[in-house]
PDB file of N, CA and C in Angstrom:
ATOM      1  N   UNK A   1       7.881   3.234  17.684  1.00  0.00           N
ATOM      2  CA  UNK A   1       6.723   3.954  18.398  1.00  0.00           C
ATOM      3  C   UNK A   1       5.633   2.852  18.572  1.00  0.00           C
ATOM      4  N   UNK A   2       4.515   2.779  19.477  1.00  0.00           N
ATOM      5  CA  UNK A   2       3.577   1.970  19.579  1.00  0.00           C
ATOM      6  C   UNK A   2       2.299   2.572  19.582  1.00  0.00           C
ATOM      7  N   UNK A   3       1.343   2.295  18.878  1.00  0.00           N
ATOM      8  CA  UNK A   3      -0.100   2.924  18.739  1.00  0.00           C
ATOM      9  C   UNK A   3      -0.679   2.748  20.178  1.00  0.00           C
ATOM     10  N   UNK A   4      -1.443   3.604  20.393  1.00  0.00           N
ATOM     11  CA  UNK A   4      -2.267   3.835  21.630  1.00  0.00           C
ATOM     12  C   UNK A   4      -3.400   2.781  21.519  1.00  0.00           C
ATOM     13  N   UNK A   5      -3.876   2.330  20.255  1.00  0.00           N
ATOM     14  CA  UNK A   5      -4.905   1.506  20.012  1.00  0.00           C
ATOM     15  C   UNK A   5      -4.492   0.620  19.073  1.00  0.00           C
ATOM     16  N   UNK A   6      -4.856  -0.724  18.768  1.00  0.00           N
ATOM     17  CA  UNK A   6      -4.511  -1.483  17.731  1.00  0.00           C
ATOM     18  C   UNK A   6      -5.179  -0.986  16.406  1.00  0.00           C
ATOM     19  N   UNK A   7      -4.215  -0.873  15.437  1.00  0.00           N
ATOM     20  CA  UNK A   7      -4.800  -0.479  14.102  1.00  0.00           C
ATOM     21  C   UNK A   7      -5.236  -1.578  13.185  1.00  0.00           C
ATOM     22  N   UNK A   8      -6.400  -1.511  12.534  1.00  0.00           N
ATOM     23  CA  UNK A   8      -6.783  -2.874  12.089  1.00  0.00           C
ATOM     24  C   UNK A   8      -5.971  -3.066  10.343  1.00  0.00           C
ATOM     25  N   UNK A   9      -5.452  -1.960   9.945  1.00  0.00           N
ATOM     26  CA  UNK A   9      -4.939  -1.830   8.625  1.00  0.00           C
ATOM     27  C   UNK A   9      -3.688  -1.156   8.461  1.00  0.00           C
ATOM     28  N   UNK A  10      -2.592  -1.679   7.703  1.00  0.00           N
ATOM     29  CA  UNK A  10      -1.285  -1.222   7.337  1.00  0.00           C
ATOM     30  C   UNK A  10      -1.204  -0.619   6.142  1.00  0.00           C
ATOM     31  N   UNK A  11      -1.344   0.465   5.642  1.00  0.00           N
ATOM     32  CA  UNK A  11      -1.314   0.682   4.040  1.00  0.00           C
ATOM     33  C   UNK A  11      -0.120   1.330   3.936  1.00  0.00           C
ATOM     34  N   UNK A  12       0.646   0.494   3.014  1.00  0.00           N
ATOM     35  CA  UNK A  12       1.995   1.027   2.444  1.00  0.00           C
ATOM     36  C   UNK A  12       2.229   0.191   1.107  1.00  0.00           C
ATOM     37  N   UNK A  13       2.709   0.999   0.328  1.00  0.00           N
ATOM     38  CA  UNK A  13       3.009   0.378  -1.029  1.00  0.00           C
ATOM     39  C   UNK A  13       2.174   0.752  -2.323  1.00  0.00           C
ATOM     40  N   UNK A  14       2.639   0.854  -3.471  1.00  0.00           N
ATOM     41  CA  UNK A  14       1.758   1.191  -4.529  1.00  0.00           C
ATOM     42  C   UNK A  14       2.048   0.166  -5.810  1.00  0.00           C
ATOM     43  N   UNK A  15       1.503   0.638  -6.932  1.00  0.00           N
ATOM     44  CA  UNK A  15       1.427  -0.155  -8.036  1.00  0.00           C
ATOM     45  C   UNK A  15       3.072  -0.963  -8.398  1.00  0.00           C
ATOM     46  N   UNK A  16       4.213   0.112  -8.163  1.00  0.00           N
ATOM     47  CA  UNK A  16       5.280  -0.339  -8.421  1.00  0.00           C
ATOM     48  C   UNK A  16       5.866  -1.223  -7.408  1.00  0.00           C
ATOM     49  N   UNK A  17       5.480  -1.342  -6.201  1.00  0.00           N
ATOM     50  CA  UNK A  17       6.270  -2.297  -5.100  1.00  0.00           C
ATOM     51  C   UNK A  17       5.403  -2.853  -4.320  1.00  0.00           C
ATOM     52  N   UNK A  18       4.106  -3.175  -4.942  1.00  0.00           N
ATOM     53  CA  UNK A  18       3.015  -3.828  -4.058  1.00  0.00           C
ATOM     54  C   UNK A  18       3.786  -5.311  -3.500  1.00  0.00           C
ATOM     55  N   UNK A  19       4.430  -5.911  -4.154  1.00  0.00           N
ATOM     56  CA  UNK A  19       4.721  -7.141  -3.562  1.00  0.00           C
ATOM     57  C   UNK A  19       5.642  -7.056  -2.393  1.00  0.00           C
ATOM     58  N   UNK A  20       6.460  -6.436  -2.523  1.00  0.00           N
ATOM     59  CA  UNK A  20       7.368  -5.830  -1.136  1.00  0.00           C
ATOM     60  C   UNK A  20       6.524  -5.401   0.019  1.00  0.00           C
ATOM     61  N   UNK A  21       5.545  -4.618  -0.414  1.00  0.00           N
ATOM     62  CA  UNK A  21       4.415  -4.079   0.840  1.00  0.00           C
ATOM     63  C   UNK A  21       3.869  -5.356   1.350  1.00  0.00           C
ATOM     64  N   UNK A  22       3.349  -6.297   0.627  1.00  0.00           N
ATOM     65  CA  UNK A  22       2.617  -7.434   0.981  1.00  0.00           C
ATOM     66  C   UNK A  22       3.470  -8.418   1.880  1.00  0.00           C
ATOM     67  N   UNK A  23       4.769  -8.497   1.307  1.00  0.00           N
ATOM     68  CA  UNK A  23       5.556  -9.470   2.013  1.00  0.00           C
ATOM     69  C   UNK A  23       5.967  -8.700   3.314  1.00  0.00           C
ATOM     70  N   UNK A  24       5.995  -7.373   3.455  1.00  0.00           N
ATOM     71  CA  UNK A  24       6.292  -6.735   4.674  1.00  0.00           C
ATOM     72  C   UNK A  24       4.916  -6.698   5.530  1.00  0.00           C
ATOM     73  N   UNK A  25       3.838  -7.033   5.256  1.00  0.00           N
ATOM     74  CA  UNK A  25       2.704  -7.200   6.175  1.00  0.00           C
ATOM     75  C   UNK A  25       1.606  -6.072   5.734  1.00  0.00           C
ATOM     76  N   UNK A  26       1.566  -5.271   4.556  1.00  0.00           N
ATOM     77  CA  UNK A  26       0.487  -4.328   4.429  1.00  0.00           C
ATOM     78  C   UNK A  26      -0.725  -5.217   4.168  1.00  0.00           C
ATOM     79  N   UNK A  27      -1.678  -4.335   4.553  1.00  0.00           N
ATOM     80  CA  UNK A  27      -3.168  -5.061   4.429  1.00  0.00           C
ATOM     81  C   UNK A  27      -3.969  -4.100   3.437  1.00  0.00           C
ATOM     82  N   UNK A  28      -3.413  -3.014   3.000  1.00  0.00           N
ATOM     83  CA  UNK A  28      -4.030  -2.096   2.046  1.00  0.00           C
ATOM     84  C   UNK A  28      -2.721  -1.722   1.084  1.00  0.00           C
ATOM     85  N   UNK A  29      -3.044  -1.762  -0.202  1.00  0.00           N
ATOM     86  CA  UNK A  29      -1.899  -1.536  -1.197  1.00  0.00           C
ATOM     87  C   UNK A  29      -2.484  -0.605  -2.317  1.00  0.00           C
ATOM     88  N   UNK A  30      -2.023   0.411  -2.711  1.00  0.00           N
ATOM     89  CA  UNK A  30      -2.762   1.246  -3.813  1.00  0.00           C
ATOM     90  C   UNK A  30      -2.182   0.811  -5.188  1.00  0.00           C
ATOM     91  N   UNK A  31      -3.281   0.357  -5.893  1.00  0.00           N
ATOM     92  CA  UNK A  31      -2.696   0.109  -7.243  1.00  0.00           C
ATOM     93  C   UNK A  31      -3.351   0.738  -8.517  1.00  0.00           C
ATOM     94  N   UNK A  32      -3.819   1.922  -8.203  1.00  0.00           N
ATOM     95  CA  UNK A  32      -4.463   2.644  -9.233  1.00  0.00           C
ATOM     96  C   UNK A  32      -3.706   2.609 -10.444  1.00  0.00           C
ATOM     97  N   UNK A  33      -2.123   2.980 -10.600  1.00  0.00           N
ATOM     98  CA  UNK A  33      -1.424   3.020 -11.544  1.00  0.00           C
ATOM     99  C   UNK A  33      -1.541   1.637 -12.430  1.00  0.00           C
ATOM    100  N   UNK A  34      -1.528   0.632 -11.837  1.00  0.00           N
ATOM    101  CA  UNK A  34      -1.453  -0.680 -12.511  1.00  0.00           C
ATOM    102  C   UNK A  34      -2.904  -0.898 -13.127  1.00  0.00           C
ATOM    103  N   UNK A  35      -3.932  -0.287 -12.882  1.00  0.00           N
ATOM    104  CA  UNK A  35      -5.453  -0.537 -13.351  1.00  0.00           C
ATOM    105  C   UNK A  35      -5.567   0.529 -14.546  1.00  0.00           C
ATOM    106  N   UNK A  36      -5.455   1.798 -13.993  1.00  0.00           N
ATOM    107  CA  UNK A  36      -5.682   2.988 -14.963  1.00  0.00           C
ATOM    108  C   UNK A  36      -4.702   3.617 -15.497  1.00  0.00           C
ATOM    109  N   UNK A  37      -3.240   3.297 -15.453  1.00  0.00           N
ATOM    110  CA  UNK A  37      -2.085   3.815 -16.124  1.00  0.00           C
ATOM    111  C   UNK A  37      -1.698   5.048 -15.416  1.00  0.00           C
ATOM    112  N   UNK A  38      -0.594   5.445 -15.971  1.00  0.00           N
ATOM    113  CA  UNK A  38       0.083   6.763 -15.530  1.00  0.00           C
ATOM    114  C   UNK A  38      -1.011   7.985 -15.551  1.00  0.00           C
ATOM    115  N   UNK A  39      -0.639   8.787 -14.719  1.00  0.00           N
ATOM    116  CA  UNK A  39      -1.520  10.101 -14.823  1.00  0.00           C
ATOM    117  C   UNK A  39      -0.810  11.123 -15.648  1.00  0.00           C
ATOM    118  N   UNK A  40      -1.642  11.873 -16.512  1.00  0.00           N
ATOM    119  CA  UNK A  40      -1.048  12.878 -17.297  1.00  0.00           C
ATOM    120  C   UNK A  40      -0.488  13.881 -16.529  1.00  0.00           C
ATOM    121  N   UNK A  41       0.429  14.632 -17.177  1.00  0.00           N
ATOM    122  CA  UNK A  41       1.289  15.600 -16.809  1.00  0.00           C
ATOM    123  C   UNK A  41       2.402  15.162 -16.272  1.00  0.00           C
TER     124      UNK A  41
END
């Protein structure tokens, strides 16, 4: 599918797979676990 208008960011990936996400073209990667650690529970 093609977006109706250009999207400035592609968000995909998290702390565990950020390198793959960047290699695939992500412009936003969530890395909270790498900084703050695992969530309790």
